[in-house]
Amino acid sequence: QWELATSKLEEVPGTSDSDGFISGIVYLYRKARGGQVE
């Protein structure tokens, strides 16, 4: 449930017209220290 879909084609499968959301993803990275990651 990222945000409400702007069209039926964008919805997450299995949701209804009234509550149809699109999906999304959050990424989190840690920058390497001294050229190498931990």
Full PDB file with SEQRES, HELIX, SHEET, SSBOND, CRYST1, ORIGX, SCALE, CONECT and MASTER records, all heavy atoms in Angstrom:
SEQRES   1 A   38  GLN TRP GLU LEU ALA THR SER LYS LEU GLU GLU VAL PRO          
SEQRES   2 A   38  GLY THR SER ASP SER ASP GLY PHE ILE SER GLY ILE VAL          
SEQRES   3 A   38  TYR LEU TYR ARG LYS ALA ARG GLY GLY GLN VAL GLU              
HELIX    1 AA1 LYS A    8  GLU A   10  5                                   3    
CRYST1    1.000    1.000    1.000  90.00  90.00  90.00 P 1           1          
ORIGX1      1.000000  0.000000  0.000000        0.00000                         
ORIGX2      0.000000  1.000000  0.000000        0.00000                         
ORIGX3      0.000000  0.000000  1.000000        0.00000                         
SCALE1      1.000000  0.000000  0.000000        0.00000                         
SCALE2      0.000000  1.000000  0.000000        0.00000                         
SCALE3      0.000000  0.000000  1.000000        0.00000                         
ATOM      1  N   GLN A   1       0.843  -1.202   0.000  1.00  0.00           N  
ATOM      2  CA  GLN A   1       0.000   0.000   0.000  1.00  0.00           C  
ATOM      3  C   GLN A   1       0.879   1.254   0.000  1.00  0.00           C  
ATOM      4  O   GLN A   1       1.171   1.838   1.031  1.00  0.00           O  
ATOM      5  CB  GLN A   1      -0.951  -0.018   1.194  1.00  0.00           C  
ATOM      6  CG  GLN A   1      -1.972  -1.136   1.115  1.00  0.00           C  
ATOM      7  CD  GLN A   1      -3.061  -1.021   2.164  1.00  0.00           C  
ATOM      8  OE1 GLN A   1      -2.917  -0.329   3.159  1.00  0.00           O  
ATOM      9  NE2 GLN A   1      -4.155  -1.711   1.946  1.00  0.00           N  
ATOM     10  N   TRP A   2       1.311   1.636  -1.189  1.00  0.00           N  
ATOM     11  CA  TRP A   2       2.217   2.772  -1.383  1.00  0.00           C  
ATOM     12  C   TRP A   2       1.435   4.070  -1.538  1.00  0.00           C  
ATOM     13  O   TRP A   2       1.669   5.041  -0.854  1.00  0.00           O  
ATOM     14  CB  TRP A   2       3.055   2.503  -2.622  1.00  0.00           C  
ATOM     15  CG  TRP A   2       4.260   3.352  -2.792  1.00  0.00           C  
ATOM     16  CD1 TRP A   2       4.415   4.390  -3.673  1.00  0.00           C  
ATOM     17  CD2 TRP A   2       5.496   3.219  -2.099  1.00  0.00           C  
ATOM     18  NE1 TRP A   2       5.672   4.916  -3.573  1.00  0.00           N  
ATOM     19  CE2 TRP A   2       6.365   4.212  -2.608  1.00  0.00           C  
ATOM     20  CE3 TRP A   2       5.964   2.361  -1.102  1.00  0.00           C  
ATOM     21  CZ2 TRP A   2       7.668   4.368  -2.145  1.00  0.00           C  
ATOM     22  CZ3 TRP A   2       7.257   2.512  -0.648  1.00  0.00           C  
ATOM     23  CH2 TRP A   2       8.092   3.503  -1.157  1.00  0.00           C  
ATOM     24  N   GLU A   3       0.509   4.044  -2.478  1.00  0.00           N  
ATOM     25  CA  GLU A   3      -0.447   5.131  -2.681  1.00  0.00           C  
ATOM     26  C   GLU A   3      -1.593   4.575  -3.516  1.00  0.00           C  
ATOM     27  O   GLU A   3      -1.464   3.525  -4.145  1.00  0.00           O  
ATOM     28  CB  GLU A   3       0.200   6.324  -3.394  1.00  0.00           C  
ATOM     29  CG  GLU A   3       0.594   6.053  -4.826  1.00  0.00           C  
ATOM     30  CD  GLU A   3       1.257   7.250  -5.509  1.00  0.00           C  
ATOM     31  OE1 GLU A   3       1.540   8.241  -4.821  1.00  0.00           O  
ATOM     32  OE2 GLU A   3       1.489   7.178  -6.727  1.00  0.00           O  
ATOM     33  N   LEU A   4      -2.724   5.275  -3.511  1.00  0.00           N  
ATOM     34  CA  LEU A   4      -3.840   4.826  -4.321  1.00  0.00           C  
ATOM     35  C   LEU A   4      -3.466   4.834  -5.794  1.00  0.00           C  
ATOM     36  O   LEU A   4      -2.789   5.751  -6.271  1.00  0.00           O  
ATOM     37  CB  LEU A   4      -5.054   5.709  -4.083  1.00  0.00           C  
ATOM     38  CG  LEU A   4      -5.754   5.539  -2.726  1.00  0.00           C  
ATOM     39  CD1 LEU A   4      -6.819   6.605  -2.558  1.00  0.00           C  
ATOM     40  CD2 LEU A   4      -6.351   4.154  -2.583  1.00  0.00           C  
ATOM     41  N   ALA A   5      -3.899   3.800  -6.501  1.00  0.00           N  
ATOM     42  CA  ALA A   5      -3.586   3.676  -7.924  1.00  0.00           C  
ATOM     43  C   ALA A   5      -4.286   4.754  -8.730  1.00  0.00           C  
ATOM     44  O   ALA A   5      -5.384   5.210  -8.382  1.00  0.00           O  
ATOM     45  CB  ALA A   5      -3.998   2.301  -8.427  1.00  0.00           C  
ATOM     46  N   THR A   6      -3.648   5.172  -9.814  1.00  0.00           N  
ATOM     47  CA  THR A   6      -4.266   6.152 -10.705  1.00  0.00           C  
ATOM     48  C   THR A   6      -5.133   5.482 -11.762  1.00  0.00           C  
ATOM     49  O   THR A   6      -5.899   6.154 -12.444  1.00  0.00           O  
ATOM     50  CB  THR A   6      -3.195   7.006 -11.396  1.00  0.00           C  
ATOM     51  OG1 THR A   6      -2.303   6.162 -12.126  1.00  0.00           O  
ATOM     52  CG2 THR A   6      -2.417   7.806 -10.363  1.00  0.00           C  
ATOM     53  N   SER A   7      -5.026   4.165 -11.902  1.00  0.00           N  
ATOM     54  CA  SER A   7      -5.885   3.420 -12.812  1.00  0.00           C  
ATOM     55  C   SER A   7      -5.948   1.970 -12.349  1.00  0.00           C  
ATOM     56  O   SER A   7      -5.089   1.498 -11.591  1.00  0.00           O  
ATOM     57  CB  SER A   7      -5.361   3.478 -14.247  1.00  0.00           C  
ATOM     58  OG  SER A   7      -4.213   2.666 -14.396  1.00  0.00           O  
ATOM     59  N   LYS A   8      -6.957   1.261 -12.802  1.00  0.00           N  
ATOM     60  CA  LYS A   8      -7.132  -0.148 -12.427  1.00  0.00           C  
ATOM     61  C   LYS A   8      -5.923  -0.978 -12.840  1.00  0.00           C  
ATOM     62  O   LYS A   8      -5.523  -1.910 -12.121  1.00  0.00           O  
ATOM     63  CB  LYS A   8      -8.398  -0.690 -13.100  1.00  0.00           C  
ATOM     64  CG  LYS A   8      -8.765  -2.101 -12.673  1.00  0.00           C  
ATOM     65  CD  LYS A   8      -9.214  -2.163 -11.233  1.00  0.00           C  
ATOM     66  CE  LYS A   8      -9.666  -3.584 -10.851  1.00  0.00           C  
ATOM     67  NZ  LYS A   8     -10.018  -3.670  -9.418  1.00  0.00           N  
ATOM     68  N   LEU A   9      -5.304  -0.640 -13.971  1.00  0.00           N  
ATOM     69  CA  LEU A   9      -4.175  -1.420 -14.464  1.00  0.00           C  
ATOM     70  C   LEU A   9      -2.959  -1.342 -13.553  1.00  0.00           C  
ATOM     71  O   LEU A   9      -2.079  -2.197 -13.608  1.00  0.00           O  
ATOM     72  CB  LEU A   9      -3.788  -0.947 -15.871  1.00  0.00           C  
ATOM     73  CG  LEU A   9      -4.813  -1.183 -16.973  1.00  0.00           C  
ATOM     74  CD1 LEU A   9      -4.344  -0.550 -18.280  1.00  0.00           C  
ATOM     75  CD2 LEU A   9      -5.072  -2.672 -17.153  1.00  0.00           C  
ATOM     76  N   GLU A  10      -2.889  -0.289 -12.702  1.00  0.00           N  
ATOM     77  CA  GLU A  10      -1.731  -0.092 -11.839  1.00  0.00           C  
ATOM     78  C   GLU A  10      -1.896  -0.719 -10.458  1.00  0.00           C  
ATOM     79  O   GLU A  10      -0.962  -0.726  -9.668  1.00  0.00           O  
ATOM     80  CB  GLU A  10      -1.455   1.406 -11.681  1.00  0.00           C  
ATOM     81  CG  GLU A  10      -1.105   2.115 -12.977  1.00  0.00           C  
ATOM     82  CD  GLU A  10       0.233   1.691 -13.550  1.00  0.00           C  
ATOM     83  OE1 GLU A  10       1.056   1.109 -12.809  1.00  0.00           O  
ATOM     84  OE2 GLU A  10       0.469   1.922 -14.743  1.00  0.00           O  
ATOM     85  N   GLU A  11      -3.074  -1.216 -10.143  1.00  0.00           N  
ATOM     86  CA  GLU A  11      -3.343  -1.689  -8.786  1.00  0.00           C  
ATOM     87  C   GLU A  11      -2.593  -2.974  -8.462  1.00  0.00           C  
ATOM     88  O   GLU A  11      -2.283  -3.787  -9.326  1.00  0.00           O  
ATOM     89  CB  GLU A  11      -4.842  -1.934  -8.594  1.00  0.00           C  
ATOM     90  CG  GLU A  11      -5.676  -0.683  -8.603  1.00  0.00           C  
ATOM     91  CD  GLU A  11      -7.157  -0.973  -8.456  1.00  0.00           C  
ATOM     92  OE1 GLU A  11      -7.498  -2.130  -8.143  1.00  0.00           O  
ATOM     93  OE2 GLU A  11      -7.963  -0.047  -8.650  1.00  0.00           O  
ATOM     94  N   VAL A  12      -2.352  -3.169  -7.155  1.00  0.00           N  
ATOM     95  CA  VAL A  12      -1.864  -4.451  -6.658  1.00  0.00           C  
ATOM     96  C   VAL A  12      -2.982  -5.475  -6.841  1.00  0.00           C  
ATOM     97  O   VAL A  12      -4.131  -5.204  -6.492  1.00  0.00           O  
ATOM     98  CB  VAL A  12      -1.482  -4.349  -5.167  1.00  0.00           C  
ATOM     99  CG1 VAL A  12      -1.104  -5.725  -4.612  1.00  0.00           C  
ATOM    100  CG2 VAL A  12      -0.338  -3.367  -4.981  1.00  0.00           C  
ATOM    101  N   PRO A  13      -2.705  -6.651  -7.426  1.00  0.00           N  
ATOM    102  CA  PRO A  13      -3.756  -7.642  -7.651  1.00  0.00           C  
ATOM    103  C   PRO A  13      -4.489  -7.995  -6.354  1.00  0.00           C  
ATOM    104  O   PRO A  13      -3.893  -8.086  -5.282  1.00  0.00           O  
ATOM    105  CB  PRO A  13      -2.985  -8.862  -8.189  1.00  0.00           C  
ATOM    106  CG  PRO A  13      -1.759  -8.272  -8.803  1.00  0.00           C  
ATOM    107  CD  PRO A  13      -1.401  -7.093  -7.948  1.00  0.00           C  
ATOM    108  N   GLY A  14      -5.812  -8.178  -6.475  1.00  0.00           N  
ATOM    109  CA  GLY A  14      -6.601  -8.592  -5.330  1.00  0.00           C  
ATOM    110  C   GLY A  14      -7.246  -7.458  -4.564  1.00  0.00           C  
ATOM    111  O   GLY A  14      -7.959  -7.694  -3.591  1.00  0.00           O  
ATOM    112  N   THR A  15      -7.036  -6.206  -4.981  1.00  0.00           N  
ATOM    113  CA  THR A  15      -7.658  -5.077  -4.297  1.00  0.00           C  
ATOM    114  C   THR A  15      -8.884  -4.618  -5.081  1.00  0.00           C  
ATOM    115  O   THR A  15      -9.009  -4.880  -6.274  1.00  0.00           O  
ATOM    116  CB  THR A  15      -6.686  -3.902  -4.145  1.00  0.00           C  
ATOM    117  OG1 THR A  15      -6.218  -3.521  -5.435  1.00  0.00           O  
ATOM    118  CG2 THR A  15      -5.504  -4.283  -3.283  1.00  0.00           C  
ATOM    119  N   SER A  16      -9.775  -3.932  -4.398  1.00  0.00           N  
ATOM    120  CA  SER A  16     -11.014  -3.487  -5.029  1.00  0.00           C  
ATOM    121  C   SER A  16     -10.855  -2.090  -5.615  1.00  0.00           C  
ATOM    122  O   SER A  16      -9.865  -1.409  -5.369  1.00  0.00           O  
ATOM    123  CB  SER A  16     -12.141  -3.479  -3.993  1.00  0.00           C  
ATOM    124  OG  SER A  16     -11.920  -2.455  -3.042  1.00  0.00           O  
ATOM    125  N   ASP A  17     -11.870  -1.659  -6.359  1.00  0.00           N  
ATOM    126  CA  ASP A  17     -11.828  -0.316  -6.951  1.00  0.00           C  
ATOM    127  C   ASP A  17     -11.718   0.765  -5.885  1.00  0.00           C  
ATOM    128  O   ASP A  17     -11.088   1.789  -6.102  1.00  0.00           O  
ATOM    129  CB  ASP A  17     -13.082  -0.070  -7.790  1.00  0.00           C  
ATOM    130  CG  ASP A  17     -13.066  -0.859  -9.088  1.00  0.00           C  
ATOM    131  OD1 ASP A  17     -11.960  -1.195  -9.544  1.00  0.00           O  
ATOM    132  OD2 ASP A  17     -14.145  -1.135  -9.626  1.00  0.00           O  
ATOM    133  N   SER A  18     -12.317   0.541  -4.734  1.00  0.00           N  
ATOM    134  CA  SER A  18     -12.365   1.585  -3.718  1.00  0.00           C  
ATOM    135  C   SER A  18     -11.085   1.696  -2.917  1.00  0.00           C  
ATOM    136  O   SER A  18     -10.795   2.743  -2.352  1.00  0.00           O  
ATOM    137  CB  SER A  18     -13.544   1.341  -2.766  1.00  0.00           C  
ATOM    138  OG  SER A  18     -13.396   0.089  -2.100  1.00  0.00           O  
ATOM    139  N   ASP A  19     -10.341   0.609  -2.818  1.00  0.00           N  
ATOM    140  CA  ASP A  19      -9.131   0.670  -1.990  1.00  0.00           C  
ATOM    141  C   ASP A  19      -7.887   0.205  -2.745  1.00  0.00           C  
ATOM    142  O   ASP A  19      -6.904  -0.213  -2.156  1.00  0.00           O  
ATOM    143  CB  ASP A  19      -9.298  -0.158  -0.713  1.00  0.00           C  
ATOM    144  CG  ASP A  19      -9.474  -1.654  -0.992  1.00  0.00           C  
ATOM    145  OD1 ASP A  19      -9.498  -2.041  -2.171  1.00  0.00           O  
ATOM    146  OD2 ASP A  19      -9.581  -2.422  -0.019  1.00  0.00           O  
ATOM    147  N   GLY A  20      -7.918   0.300  -4.083  1.00  0.00           N  
ATOM    148  CA  GLY A  20      -6.819  -0.219  -4.878  1.00  0.00           C  
ATOM    149  C   GLY A  20      -5.578   0.639  -4.769  1.00  0.00           C  
ATOM    150  O   GLY A  20      -5.577   1.820  -5.115  1.00  0.00           O  
ATOM    151  N   PHE A  21      -4.489   0.050  -4.284  1.00  0.00           N  
ATOM    152  CA  PHE A  21      -3.212   0.736  -4.110  1.00  0.00           C  
ATOM    153  C   PHE A  21      -2.197   0.227  -5.124  1.00  0.00           C  
ATOM    154  O   PHE A  21      -2.286  -0.909  -5.598  1.00  0.00           O  
ATOM    155  CB  PHE A  21      -2.650   0.480  -2.702  1.00  0.00           C  
ATOM    156  CG  PHE A  21      -3.302   1.286  -1.618  1.00  0.00           C  
ATOM    157  CD1 PHE A  21      -4.524   0.904  -1.086  1.00  0.00           C  
ATOM    158  CD2 PHE A  21      -2.698   2.428  -1.124  1.00  0.00           C  
ATOM    159  CE1 PHE A  21      -5.129   1.639  -0.079  1.00  0.00           C  
ATOM    160  CE2 PHE A  21      -3.290   3.177  -0.127  1.00  0.00           C  
ATOM    161  CZ  PHE A  21      -4.510   2.784   0.397  1.00  0.00           C  
ATOM    162  N   ILE A  22      -1.214   1.058  -5.421  1.00  0.00           N  
ATOM    163  CA  ILE A  22      -0.018   0.573  -6.092  1.00  0.00           C  
ATOM    164  C   ILE A  22       1.010   0.204  -5.029  1.00  0.00           C  
ATOM    165  O   ILE A  22       0.891   0.596  -3.864  1.00  0.00           O  
ATOM    166  CB  ILE A  22       0.567   1.599  -7.072  1.00  0.00           C  
ATOM    167  CG1 ILE A  22       1.102   2.843  -6.340  1.00  0.00           C  
ATOM    168  CG2 ILE A  22      -0.440   1.979  -8.138  1.00  0.00           C  
ATOM    169  CD1 ILE A  22       1.923   3.757  -7.221  1.00  0.00           C  
ATOM    170  N   SER A  23       2.012  -0.538  -5.454  1.00  0.00           N  
ATOM    171  CA  SER A  23       3.050  -0.983  -4.537  1.00  0.00           C  
ATOM    172  C   SER A  23       4.325  -0.175  -4.745  1.00  0.00           C  
ATOM    173  O   SER A  23       4.484   0.547  -5.733  1.00  0.00           O  
ATOM    174  CB  SER A  23       3.330  -2.478  -4.739  1.00  0.00           C  
ATOM    175  OG  SER A  23       3.663  -2.735  -6.105  1.00  0.00           O  
ATOM    176  N   GLY A  24       5.244  -0.304  -3.801  1.00  0.00           N  
ATOM    177  CA  GLY A  24       6.532   0.372  -3.882  1.00  0.00           C  
ATOM    178  C   GLY A  24       7.561  -0.368  -3.060  1.00  0.00           C  
ATOM    179  O   GLY A  24       7.283  -1.433  -2.496  1.00  0.00           O  
ATOM    180  N   ILE A  25       8.752   0.193  -2.988  1.00  0.00           N  
ATOM    181  CA  ILE A  25       9.823  -0.459  -2.235  1.00  0.00           C  
ATOM    182  C   ILE A  25      10.750   0.593  -1.650  1.00  0.00           C  
ATOM    183  O   ILE A  25      10.993   1.644  -2.267  1.00  0.00           O  
ATOM    184  CB  ILE A  25      10.604  -1.454  -3.131  1.00  0.00           C  
ATOM    185  CG1 ILE A  25      11.593  -2.281  -2.307  1.00  0.00           C  
ATOM    186  CG2 ILE A  25      11.292  -0.746  -4.302  1.00  0.00           C  
ATOM    187  CD1 ILE A  25      12.154  -3.496  -3.070  1.00  0.00           C  
ATOM    188  N   VAL A  26      11.243   0.316  -0.441  1.00  0.00           N  
ATOM    189  CA  VAL A  26      12.224   1.166   0.239  1.00  0.00           C  
ATOM    190  C   VAL A  26      13.540   0.417   0.302  1.00  0.00           C  
ATOM    191  O   VAL A  26      13.578  -0.745   0.740  1.00  0.00           O  
ATOM    192  CB  VAL A  26      11.764   1.520   1.670  1.00  0.00           C  
ATOM    193  CG1 VAL A  26      12.796   2.441   2.342  1.00  0.00           C  
ATOM    194  CG2 VAL A  26      10.388   2.168   1.662  1.00  0.00           C  
ATOM    195  N   TYR A  27      14.615   1.073  -0.125  1.00  0.00           N  
ATOM    196  CA  TYR A  27      15.963   0.509  -0.038  1.00  0.00           C  
ATOM    197  C   TYR A  27      16.770   1.318   0.974  1.00  0.00           C  
ATOM    198  O   TYR A  27      16.674   2.545   1.019  1.00  0.00           O  
ATOM    199  CB  TYR A  27      16.696   0.581  -1.374  1.00  0.00           C  
ATOM    200  CG  TYR A  27      16.011  -0.059  -2.545  1.00  0.00           C  
ATOM    201  CD1 TYR A  27      15.247   0.705  -3.435  1.00  0.00           C  
ATOM    202  CD2 TYR A  27      16.148  -1.419  -2.800  1.00  0.00           C  
ATOM    203  CE1 TYR A  27      14.643   0.132  -4.531  1.00  0.00           C  
ATOM    204  CE2 TYR A  27      15.533  -2.006  -3.908  1.00  0.00           C  
ATOM    205  CZ  TYR A  27      14.785  -1.219  -4.760  1.00  0.00           C  
ATOM    206  OH  TYR A  27      14.183  -1.787  -5.859  1.00  0.00           O  
ATOM    207  N   LEU A  28      17.609   0.623   1.727  1.00  0.00           N  
ATOM    208  CA  LEU A  28      18.521   1.305   2.644  1.00  0.00           C  
ATOM    209  C   LEU A  28      19.905   0.695   2.504  1.00  0.00           C  
ATOM    210  O   LEU A  28      20.069  -0.530   2.591  1.00  0.00           O  
ATOM    211  CB  LEU A  28      18.046   1.175   4.090  1.00  0.00           C  
ATOM    212  CG  LEU A  28      18.867   1.935   5.136  1.00  0.00           C  
ATOM    213  CD1 LEU A  28      18.770   3.443   4.918  1.00  0.00           C  
ATOM    214  CD2 LEU A  28      18.394   1.580   6.548  1.00  0.00           C  
ATOM    215  N   TYR A  29      20.903   1.568   2.269  1.00  0.00           N  
ATOM    216  CA  TYR A  29      22.292   1.135   2.081  1.00  0.00           C  
ATOM    217  C   TYR A  29      23.207   1.883   3.045  1.00  0.00           C  
ATOM    218  O   TYR A  29      22.931   3.016   3.425  1.00  0.00           O  
ATOM    219  CB  TYR A  29      22.751   1.424   0.647  1.00  0.00           C  
ATOM    220  CG  TYR A  29      22.140   0.520  -0.387  1.00  0.00           C  
ATOM    221  CD1 TYR A  29      20.892   0.799  -0.928  1.00  0.00           C  
ATOM    222  CD2 TYR A  29      22.803  -0.627  -0.821  1.00  0.00           C  
ATOM    223  CE1 TYR A  29      20.321  -0.032  -1.880  1.00  0.00           C  
ATOM    224  CE2 TYR A  29      22.230  -1.458  -1.779  1.00  0.00           C  
ATOM    225  CZ  TYR A  29      20.994  -1.165  -2.304  1.00  0.00           C  
ATOM    226  OH  TYR A  29      20.434  -1.992  -3.232  1.00  0.00           O  
ATOM    227  N   ARG A  30      24.314   1.211   3.404  1.00  0.00           N  
ATOM    228  CA  ARG A  30      25.369   1.859   4.179  1.00  0.00           C  
ATOM    229  C   ARG A  30      26.612   1.989   3.303  1.00  0.00           C  
ATOM    230  O   ARG A  30      27.090   0.993   2.740  1.00  0.00           O  
ATOM    231  CB  ARG A  30      25.716   1.079   5.446  1.00  0.00           C  
ATOM    232  CG  ARG A  30      26.685   1.850   6.363  1.00  0.00           C  
ATOM    233  CD  ARG A  30      27.083   1.043   7.597  1.00  0.00           C  
ATOM    234  NE  ARG A  30      25.945   0.595   8.357  1.00  0.00           N  
ATOM    235  CZ  ARG A  30      25.248   1.356   9.219  1.00  0.00           C  
ATOM    236  NH1 ARG A  30      25.576   2.629   9.380  1.00  0.00           N  
ATOM    237  NH2 ARG A  30      24.228   0.856   9.886  1.00  0.00           N  
ATOM    238  N   LYS A  31      27.129   3.210   3.198  1.00  0.00           N  
ATOM    239  CA  LYS A  31      28.313   3.452   2.379  1.00  0.00           C  
ATOM    240  C   LYS A  31      29.537   2.786   2.996  1.00  0.00           C  
ATOM    241  O   LYS A  31      29.688   2.731   4.217  1.00  0.00           O  
ATOM    242  CB  LYS A  31      28.556   4.960   2.244  1.00  0.00           C  
ATOM    243  CG  LYS A  31      29.734   5.320   1.350  1.00  0.00           C  
ATOM    244  CD  LYS A  31      29.877   6.828   1.187  1.00  0.00           C  
ATOM    245  CE  LYS A  31      31.088   7.208   0.362  1.00  0.00           C  
ATOM    246  NZ  LYS A  31      31.213   8.658   0.160  1.00  0.00           N  
ATOM    247  N   ALA A  32      30.407   2.322   2.136  1.00  0.00           N  
ATOM    248  CA  ALA A  32      31.628   1.662   2.595  1.00  0.00           C  
ATOM    249  C   ALA A  32      32.492   2.618   3.408  1.00  0.00           C  
ATOM    250  O   ALA A  32      32.514   3.822   3.177  1.00  0.00           O  
ATOM    251  CB  ALA A  32      32.421   1.147   1.396  1.00  0.00           C  
ATOM    252  N   ARG A  33      33.220   2.058   4.343  1.00  0.00           N  
ATOM    253  CA  ARG A  33      34.223   2.805   5.105  1.00  0.00           C  
ATOM    254  C   ARG A  33      35.592   2.471   4.505  1.00  0.00           C  
ATOM    255  O   ARG A  33      35.955   1.313   4.407  1.00  0.00           O  
ATOM    256  CB  ARG A  33      34.213   2.398   6.580  1.00  0.00           C  
ATOM    257  CG  ARG A  33      32.902   2.685   7.301  1.00  0.00           C  
ATOM    258  CD  ARG A  33      33.002   2.213   8.739  1.00  0.00           C  
ATOM    259  NE  ARG A  33      31.742   2.333   9.450  1.00  0.00           N  
ATOM    260  CZ  ARG A  33      31.340   3.422  10.094  1.00  0.00           C  
ATOM    261  NH1 ARG A  33      32.127   4.479  10.120  1.00  0.00           N  
ATOM    262  NH2 ARG A  33      30.183   3.449  10.728  1.00  0.00           N  
ATOM    263  N   GLY A  34      36.320   3.470   4.105  1.00  0.00           N  
ATOM    264  CA  GLY A  34      37.659   3.253   3.588  1.00  0.00           C  
ATOM    265  C   GLY A  34      37.708   2.387   2.359  1.00  0.00           C  
ATOM    266  O   GLY A  34      38.658   1.645   2.141  1.00  0.00           O  
ATOM    267  N   GLY A  35      36.640   2.459   1.539  1.00  0.00           N  
ATOM    268  CA  GLY A  35      36.654   1.746   0.269  1.00  0.00           C  
ATOM    269  C   GLY A  35      36.091   0.343   0.326  1.00  0.00           C  
ATOM    270  O   GLY A  35      35.944  -0.302  -0.686  1.00  0.00           O  
ATOM    271  N   GLN A  36      35.774  -0.165   1.535  1.00  0.00           N  
ATOM    272  CA  GLN A  36      35.223  -1.507   1.650  1.00  0.00           C  
ATOM    273  C   GLN A  36      33.999  -1.467   2.551  1.00  0.00           C  
ATOM    274  O   GLN A  36      33.977  -0.789   3.573  1.00  0.00           O  
ATOM    275  CB  GLN A  36      36.258  -2.487   2.259  1.00  0.00           C  
ATOM    276  CG  GLN A  36      37.477  -2.695   1.396  1.00  0.00           C  
ATOM    277  CD  GLN A  36      37.159  -3.427   0.113  1.00  0.00           C  
ATOM    278  OE1 GLN A  36      36.396  -4.376   0.099  1.00  0.00           O  
ATOM    279  NE2 GLN A  36      37.754  -2.975  -0.985  1.00  0.00           N  
ATOM    280  N   VAL A  37      32.984  -2.224   2.170  1.00  0.00           N  
ATOM    281  CA  VAL A  37      31.797  -2.288   3.012  1.00  0.00           C  
ATOM    282  C   VAL A  37      32.048  -3.233   4.166  1.00  0.00           C  
ATOM    283  O   VAL A  37      32.902  -4.123   4.112  1.00  0.00           O  
ATOM    284  CB  VAL A  37      30.568  -2.772   2.212  1.00  0.00           C  
ATOM    285  CG1 VAL A  37      30.188  -1.775   1.164  1.00  0.00           C  
ATOM    286  CG2 VAL A  37      30.813  -4.136   1.593  1.00  0.00           C  
ATOM    287  N   GLU A  38      31.282  -3.019   5.234  1.00  0.00           N  
ATOM    288  CA  GLU A  38      31.367  -3.911   6.379  1.00  0.00           C  
ATOM    289  C   GLU A  38      30.548  -5.160   6.106  1.00  0.00           C  
ATOM    290  O   GLU A  38      29.655  -5.172   5.267  1.00  0.00           O  
ATOM    291  CB  GLU A  38      30.856  -3.189   7.629  1.00  0.00           C  
ATOM    292  CG  GLU A  38      31.685  -1.963   7.980  1.00  0.00           C  
ATOM    293  CD  GLU A  38      31.079  -1.170   9.118  1.00  0.00           C  
ATOM    294  OE1 GLU A  38      29.984  -1.540   9.578  1.00  0.00           O  
ATOM    295  OE2 GLU A  38      31.701  -0.187   9.540  1.00  0.00           O  
TER     296      GLU A  38                                                      
MASTER        0    0    0    1    0    0    0    6  295    1    0    3          
END                                                                             
